Amino acid sequence: MYLLNLITDAFAMGPAPQGGGQGDPIMSLVASLLPLVLIIVVFYFLLIRPQQKRAKEHRQMLENLKRGDKVITVGGLYGVVDSVNPNTVILKVAENVKLKFSKQSIAALRPATDED
């Protein structure tokens, strides 16, 4: 009997329930998922979308490569496109020096103001 009195006293000292019930479970679920959805949206617009845009621009640049274009490779080598094949590019890097590269290794076109 003494133990039962302690338990009831402990419950009597606890905080009173707020709102009188559990509330709407759907609103609770929405409130708990909202931060996760916001994080995913922020990641998409700040990280994923710009990366996809850069990849698309790089792909278009590689498709439009033609003889005479001045390019820079991912290794930092400057050259002029001598010929373009479906998967490879031959670059002229010096007089009588031609090197064969994978098309994917072309990083960018050199600006027109860039000197030889």
N, C-alpha and C. Protein backbone atom coordinates (compact mmCIF):
# COMPACT_ATOMS: atom_id res chain seq x y z
N MET A 1 0.81 -1.18 0.00
CA MET A 1 0.00 0.00 0.00
C MET A 1 0.87 1.26 0.00
N TYR A 2 1.96 1.19 0.74
CA TYR A 2 2.87 2.33 0.82
C TYR A 2 3.45 2.63 -0.56
N LEU A 3 3.82 1.58 -1.34
CA LEU A 3 4.37 1.75 -2.68
C LEU A 3 3.35 2.40 -3.61
N LEU A 4 2.11 1.99 -3.51
CA LEU A 4 1.06 2.56 -4.34
C LEU A 4 0.87 4.05 -4.05
N ASN A 5 0.98 4.44 -2.79
CA ASN A 5 0.88 5.85 -2.43
C ASN A 5 2.03 6.66 -3.01
N LEU A 6 3.26 6.09 -3.03
CA LEU A 6 4.41 6.79 -3.60
C LEU A 6 4.24 7.02 -5.10
N ILE A 7 3.74 5.99 -5.78
CA ILE A 7 3.55 6.12 -7.23
C ILE A 7 2.50 7.17 -7.55
N THR A 8 1.37 7.16 -6.83
CA THR A 8 0.34 8.16 -7.08
C THR A 8 0.83 9.55 -6.72
N ASP A 9 1.62 9.67 -5.67
CA ASP A 9 2.18 10.98 -5.32
C ASP A 9 3.14 11.46 -6.41
N ALA A 10 3.92 10.55 -6.97
CA ALA A 10 4.86 10.92 -8.03
C ALA A 10 4.11 11.41 -9.26
N PHE A 11 3.04 10.73 -9.63
CA PHE A 11 2.24 11.18 -10.77
C PHE A 11 1.54 12.50 -10.47
N ALA A 12 1.15 12.71 -9.25
CA ALA A 12 0.48 13.95 -8.89
C ALA A 12 1.43 15.13 -8.95
N MET A 13 2.74 14.89 -8.72
CA MET A 13 3.72 15.97 -8.74
C MET A 13 4.20 16.30 -10.15
N GLY A 14 3.94 15.44 -11.11
CA GLY A 14 4.41 15.65 -12.48
C GLY A 14 3.67 16.78 -13.16
N PRO A 15 4.15 17.21 -14.31
CA PRO A 15 3.51 18.31 -15.03
C PRO A 15 2.16 17.88 -15.58
N ALA A 16 1.26 18.81 -15.65
CA ALA A 16 -0.08 18.54 -16.18
C ALA A 16 0.01 18.40 -17.70
N PRO A 17 -0.73 17.49 -18.29
CA PRO A 17 -0.69 17.33 -19.75
C PRO A 17 -1.19 18.58 -20.46
N GLN A 18 -0.53 18.95 -21.52
CA GLN A 18 -0.87 20.14 -22.31
C GLN A 18 -1.80 19.74 -23.45
N GLY A 19 -2.79 20.49 -23.74
CA GLY A 19 -3.65 20.27 -24.89
C GLY A 19 -4.64 19.16 -24.72
N GLY A 20 -4.55 18.39 -23.71
CA GLY A 20 -5.53 17.38 -23.42
C GLY A 20 -5.47 16.17 -24.33
N GLY A 21 -4.44 15.97 -25.14
CA GLY A 21 -4.38 14.79 -25.99
C GLY A 21 -3.13 14.76 -26.84
N GLN A 22 -3.10 13.84 -27.77
CA GLN A 22 -1.93 13.63 -28.60
C GLN A 22 -1.82 14.67 -29.71
N GLY A 23 -2.89 15.20 -30.19
CA GLY A 23 -2.85 16.13 -31.30
C GLY A 23 -3.01 15.37 -32.61
N ASP A 24 -2.90 16.08 -33.71
CA ASP A 24 -3.08 15.50 -35.04
C ASP A 24 -1.79 14.78 -35.45
N PRO A 25 -1.84 13.46 -35.68
CA PRO A 25 -0.62 12.73 -36.05
C PRO A 25 -0.08 13.13 -37.42
N ILE A 26 -0.94 13.56 -38.33
CA ILE A 26 -0.47 13.97 -39.66
C ILE A 26 0.34 15.26 -39.56
N MET A 27 -0.13 16.21 -38.77
CA MET A 27 0.61 17.46 -38.58
C MET A 27 1.94 17.20 -37.89
N SER A 28 1.96 16.25 -36.99
CA SER A 28 3.19 15.89 -36.31
C SER A 28 4.19 15.31 -37.30
N LEU A 29 3.70 14.47 -38.22
CA LEU A 29 4.57 13.88 -39.24
C LEU A 29 5.10 14.95 -40.18
N VAL A 30 4.24 15.87 -40.61
CA VAL A 30 4.66 16.94 -41.51
C VAL A 30 5.70 17.82 -40.83
N ALA A 31 5.47 18.14 -39.57
CA ALA A 31 6.41 19.00 -38.83
C ALA A 31 7.76 18.32 -38.66
N SER A 32 7.78 17.01 -38.53
CA SER A 32 9.06 16.32 -38.35
C SER A 32 9.80 16.13 -39.67
N LEU A 33 9.07 16.05 -40.80
CA LEU A 33 9.71 15.86 -42.10
C LEU A 33 10.07 17.16 -42.80
N LEU A 34 9.49 18.27 -42.38
CA LEU A 34 9.73 19.55 -43.02
C LEU A 34 11.21 19.94 -43.04
N PRO A 35 11.97 19.84 -41.95
CA PRO A 35 13.39 20.20 -42.02
C PRO A 35 14.17 19.33 -43.02
N LEU A 36 13.86 18.05 -43.09
CA LEU A 36 14.54 17.17 -44.03
C LEU A 36 14.25 17.58 -45.47
N VAL A 37 13.02 17.91 -45.77
CA VAL A 37 12.65 18.34 -47.12
C VAL A 37 13.34 19.65 -47.46
N LEU A 38 13.40 20.57 -46.52
CA LEU A 38 14.08 21.84 -46.76
C LEU A 38 15.57 21.64 -47.03
N ILE A 39 16.21 20.74 -46.32
CA ILE A 39 17.64 20.46 -46.54
C ILE A 39 17.85 19.89 -47.93
N ILE A 40 16.98 18.98 -48.36
CA ILE A 40 17.11 18.38 -49.69
C ILE A 40 16.94 19.45 -50.77
N VAL A 41 15.97 20.34 -50.60
CA VAL A 41 15.76 21.42 -51.58
C VAL A 41 16.98 22.34 -51.64
N VAL A 42 17.54 22.70 -50.51
CA VAL A 42 18.73 23.56 -50.48
C VAL A 42 19.90 22.87 -51.17
N PHE A 43 20.14 21.58 -50.88
CA PHE A 43 21.22 20.84 -51.53
C PHE A 43 21.02 20.82 -53.04
N TYR A 44 19.78 20.63 -53.49
CA TYR A 44 19.53 20.58 -54.92
C TYR A 44 19.91 21.90 -55.59
N PHE A 45 19.44 23.02 -55.04
CA PHE A 45 19.68 24.30 -55.69
C PHE A 45 21.10 24.82 -55.50
N LEU A 46 21.78 24.45 -54.44
CA LEU A 46 23.13 24.97 -54.21
C LEU A 46 24.24 24.04 -54.71
N LEU A 47 23.98 22.74 -54.81
CA LEU A 47 25.04 21.81 -55.19
C LEU A 47 24.74 21.02 -56.46
N ILE A 48 23.62 20.37 -56.52
CA ILE A 48 23.34 19.43 -57.60
C ILE A 48 23.06 20.16 -58.91
N ARG A 49 22.18 21.13 -58.90
CA ARG A 49 21.79 21.83 -60.13
C ARG A 49 22.96 22.56 -60.79
N PRO A 50 23.79 23.32 -60.06
CA PRO A 50 24.93 23.97 -60.71
C PRO A 50 25.93 22.96 -61.29
N GLN A 51 26.13 21.83 -60.61
CA GLN A 51 27.05 20.82 -61.13
C GLN A 51 26.51 20.22 -62.43
N GLN A 52 25.22 19.96 -62.50
CA GLN A 52 24.63 19.43 -63.72
C GLN A 52 24.74 20.44 -64.87
N LYS A 53 24.61 21.71 -64.55
CA LYS A 53 24.72 22.75 -65.57
C LYS A 53 26.15 22.81 -66.12
N ARG A 54 27.15 22.75 -65.24
CA ARG A 54 28.55 22.75 -65.69
C ARG A 54 28.87 21.53 -66.53
N ALA A 55 28.35 20.36 -66.12
CA ALA A 55 28.59 19.13 -66.88
C ALA A 55 27.96 19.23 -68.27
N LYS A 56 26.78 19.80 -68.38
CA LYS A 56 26.12 19.95 -69.67
C LYS A 56 26.92 20.90 -70.57
N GLU A 57 27.40 22.01 -70.02
CA GLU A 57 28.21 22.95 -70.79
C GLU A 57 29.50 22.30 -71.28
N HIS A 58 30.15 21.50 -70.42
CA HIS A 58 31.39 20.81 -70.80
C HIS A 58 31.12 19.80 -71.91
N ARG A 59 30.03 19.06 -71.80
CA ARG A 59 29.65 18.08 -72.82
C ARG A 59 29.42 18.77 -74.17
N GLN A 60 28.72 19.92 -74.16
CA GLN A 60 28.48 20.66 -75.39
C GLN A 60 29.79 21.19 -75.99
N MET A 61 30.69 21.66 -75.13
CA MET A 61 31.98 22.16 -75.61
C MET A 61 32.75 21.05 -76.30
N LEU A 62 32.74 19.83 -75.71
CA LEU A 62 33.45 18.71 -76.32
C LEU A 62 32.83 18.31 -77.66
N GLU A 63 31.51 18.37 -77.76
CA GLU A 63 30.83 18.03 -79.01
C GLU A 63 31.13 19.04 -80.11
N ASN A 64 31.39 20.29 -79.74
CA ASN A 64 31.61 21.35 -80.72
C ASN A 64 33.09 21.60 -81.01
N LEU A 65 33.99 20.76 -80.51
CA LEU A 65 35.42 20.93 -80.79
C LEU A 65 35.66 20.78 -82.29
N LYS A 66 36.55 21.64 -82.82
CA LYS A 66 36.89 21.56 -84.23
C LYS A 66 38.37 21.89 -84.40
N ARG A 67 38.87 21.57 -85.56
CA ARG A 67 40.28 21.83 -85.87
C ARG A 67 40.57 23.33 -85.74
N GLY A 68 41.67 23.63 -85.09
CA GLY A 68 42.09 25.02 -84.91
C GLY A 68 41.69 25.62 -83.57
N ASP A 69 40.84 24.94 -82.81
CA ASP A 69 40.47 25.45 -81.48
C ASP A 69 41.66 25.39 -80.55
N LYS A 70 41.85 26.43 -79.78
CA LYS A 70 42.90 26.45 -78.77
C LYS A 70 42.30 25.97 -77.46
N VAL A 71 42.93 24.95 -76.84
CA VAL A 71 42.35 24.31 -75.66
C VAL A 71 43.39 24.17 -74.56
N ILE A 72 42.88 23.85 -73.38
CA ILE A 72 43.70 23.53 -72.22
C ILE A 72 43.24 22.15 -71.73
N THR A 73 44.18 21.26 -71.45
CA THR A 73 43.82 19.93 -70.94
C THR A 73 43.69 19.99 -69.43
N VAL A 74 43.14 18.91 -68.85
CA VAL A 74 43.00 18.87 -67.40
C VAL A 74 44.37 18.85 -66.71
N GLY A 75 45.41 18.46 -67.43
CA GLY A 75 46.76 18.46 -66.88
C GLY A 75 47.45 19.81 -67.02
N GLY A 76 46.78 20.77 -67.66
CA GLY A 76 47.35 22.10 -67.80
C GLY A 76 48.15 22.30 -69.07
N LEU A 77 48.07 21.37 -70.01
CA LEU A 77 48.80 21.47 -71.27
C LEU A 77 48.02 22.32 -72.26
N TYR A 78 48.68 23.31 -72.86
CA TYR A 78 48.05 24.17 -73.85
C TYR A 78 48.32 23.59 -75.23
N GLY A 79 47.31 23.61 -76.09
CA GLY A 79 47.51 23.09 -77.43
C GLY A 79 46.44 23.57 -78.38
N VAL A 80 46.64 23.22 -79.65
CA VAL A 80 45.69 23.56 -80.70
C VAL A 80 45.17 22.25 -81.27
N VAL A 81 43.86 22.14 -81.45
CA VAL A 81 43.26 20.91 -81.95
C VAL A 81 43.68 20.70 -83.39
N ASP A 82 44.29 19.54 -83.66
CA ASP A 82 44.70 19.18 -85.02
C ASP A 82 43.64 18.33 -85.69
N SER A 83 43.07 17.38 -84.93
CA SER A 83 41.97 16.58 -85.46
C SER A 83 41.12 16.06 -84.31
N VAL A 84 39.85 15.79 -84.63
CA VAL A 84 38.90 15.33 -83.63
C VAL A 84 38.30 14.02 -84.11
N ASN A 85 38.34 13.01 -83.25
CA ASN A 85 37.70 11.72 -83.49
C ASN A 85 36.59 11.57 -82.47
N PRO A 86 35.76 10.52 -82.58
CA PRO A 86 34.65 10.39 -81.62
C PRO A 86 35.09 10.35 -80.15
N ASN A 87 36.21 9.71 -79.83
CA ASN A 87 36.62 9.61 -78.43
C ASN A 87 37.98 10.26 -78.15
N THR A 88 38.69 10.66 -79.17
CA THR A 88 40.04 11.21 -78.98
C THR A 88 40.20 12.53 -79.71
N VAL A 89 41.23 13.27 -79.28
CA VAL A 89 41.58 14.54 -79.90
C VAL A 89 43.10 14.54 -80.06
N ILE A 90 43.57 14.98 -81.21
CA ILE A 90 45.01 15.12 -81.41
C ILE A 90 45.33 16.60 -81.32
N LEU A 91 46.22 16.93 -80.38
CA LEU A 91 46.59 18.32 -80.14
C LEU A 91 48.00 18.58 -80.64
N LYS A 92 48.18 19.72 -81.25
CA LYS A 92 49.51 20.17 -81.63
C LYS A 92 49.97 21.08 -80.50
N VAL A 93 51.04 20.64 -79.81
CA VAL A 93 51.52 21.40 -78.65
C VAL A 93 52.79 22.18 -78.94
N ALA A 94 53.48 21.83 -80.02
CA ALA A 94 54.67 22.55 -80.44
C ALA A 94 54.89 22.21 -81.92
N GLU A 95 55.88 22.84 -82.52
CA GLU A 95 56.18 22.56 -83.92
C GLU A 95 56.57 21.09 -84.06
N ASN A 96 55.88 20.37 -84.93
CA ASN A 96 56.10 18.94 -85.18
C ASN A 96 55.87 18.06 -83.97
N VAL A 97 55.10 18.51 -82.99
CA VAL A 97 54.78 17.69 -81.81
C VAL A 97 53.26 17.61 -81.69
N LYS A 98 52.75 16.38 -81.89
CA LYS A 98 51.32 16.15 -81.76
C LYS A 98 51.10 15.07 -80.72
N LEU A 99 50.11 15.29 -79.86
CA LEU A 99 49.79 14.35 -78.80
C LEU A 99 48.32 13.94 -78.91
N LYS A 100 48.07 12.67 -78.60
CA LYS A 100 46.71 12.15 -78.65
C LYS A 100 46.14 12.12 -77.24
N PHE A 101 44.95 12.70 -77.07
CA PHE A 101 44.29 12.78 -75.77
C PHE A 101 42.89 12.22 -75.86
N SER A 102 42.38 11.76 -74.74
CA SER A 102 40.97 11.44 -74.63
C SER A 102 40.19 12.74 -74.71
N LYS A 103 39.03 12.71 -75.33
CA LYS A 103 38.22 13.92 -75.44
C LYS A 103 37.85 14.47 -74.06
N GLN A 104 37.64 13.58 -73.11
CA GLN A 104 37.26 13.99 -71.76
C GLN A 104 38.38 14.74 -71.04
N SER A 105 39.62 14.64 -71.53
CA SER A 105 40.73 15.32 -70.86
C SER A 105 40.86 16.78 -71.28
N ILE A 106 40.01 17.23 -72.18
CA ILE A 106 40.01 18.65 -72.55
C ILE A 106 39.19 19.40 -71.50
N ALA A 107 39.85 20.32 -70.80
CA ALA A 107 39.18 21.04 -69.71
C ALA A 107 38.38 22.23 -70.22
N ALA A 108 38.99 23.01 -71.13
CA ALA A 108 38.31 24.23 -71.57
C ALA A 108 38.93 24.75 -72.85
N LEU A 109 38.18 25.61 -73.50
CA LEU A 109 38.73 26.36 -74.63
C LEU A 109 39.52 27.53 -74.07
N ARG A 110 40.63 27.84 -74.70
CA ARG A 110 41.42 29.00 -74.26
C ARG A 110 40.73 30.27 -74.71
N PRO A 111 40.77 31.29 -73.87
CA PRO A 111 40.17 32.58 -74.27
C PRO A 111 40.88 33.17 -75.49
N ALA A 112 40.17 33.95 -76.26
CA ALA A 112 40.75 34.56 -77.47
C ALA A 112 41.87 35.52 -77.12
N THR A 113 41.84 36.10 -75.93
CA THR A 113 42.88 37.05 -75.52
C THR A 113 44.14 36.36 -75.04
N ASP A 114 44.10 35.04 -74.89
CA ASP A 114 45.25 34.27 -74.40
C ASP A 114 46.32 34.25 -75.48
N GLU A 115 47.56 34.58 -75.11
CA GLU A 115 48.64 34.59 -76.09
C GLU A 115 49.22 33.19 -76.27
N ASP A 116 49.87 32.96 -77.42
CA ASP A 116 50.44 31.64 -77.71
C ASP A 116 51.68 31.36 -76.91
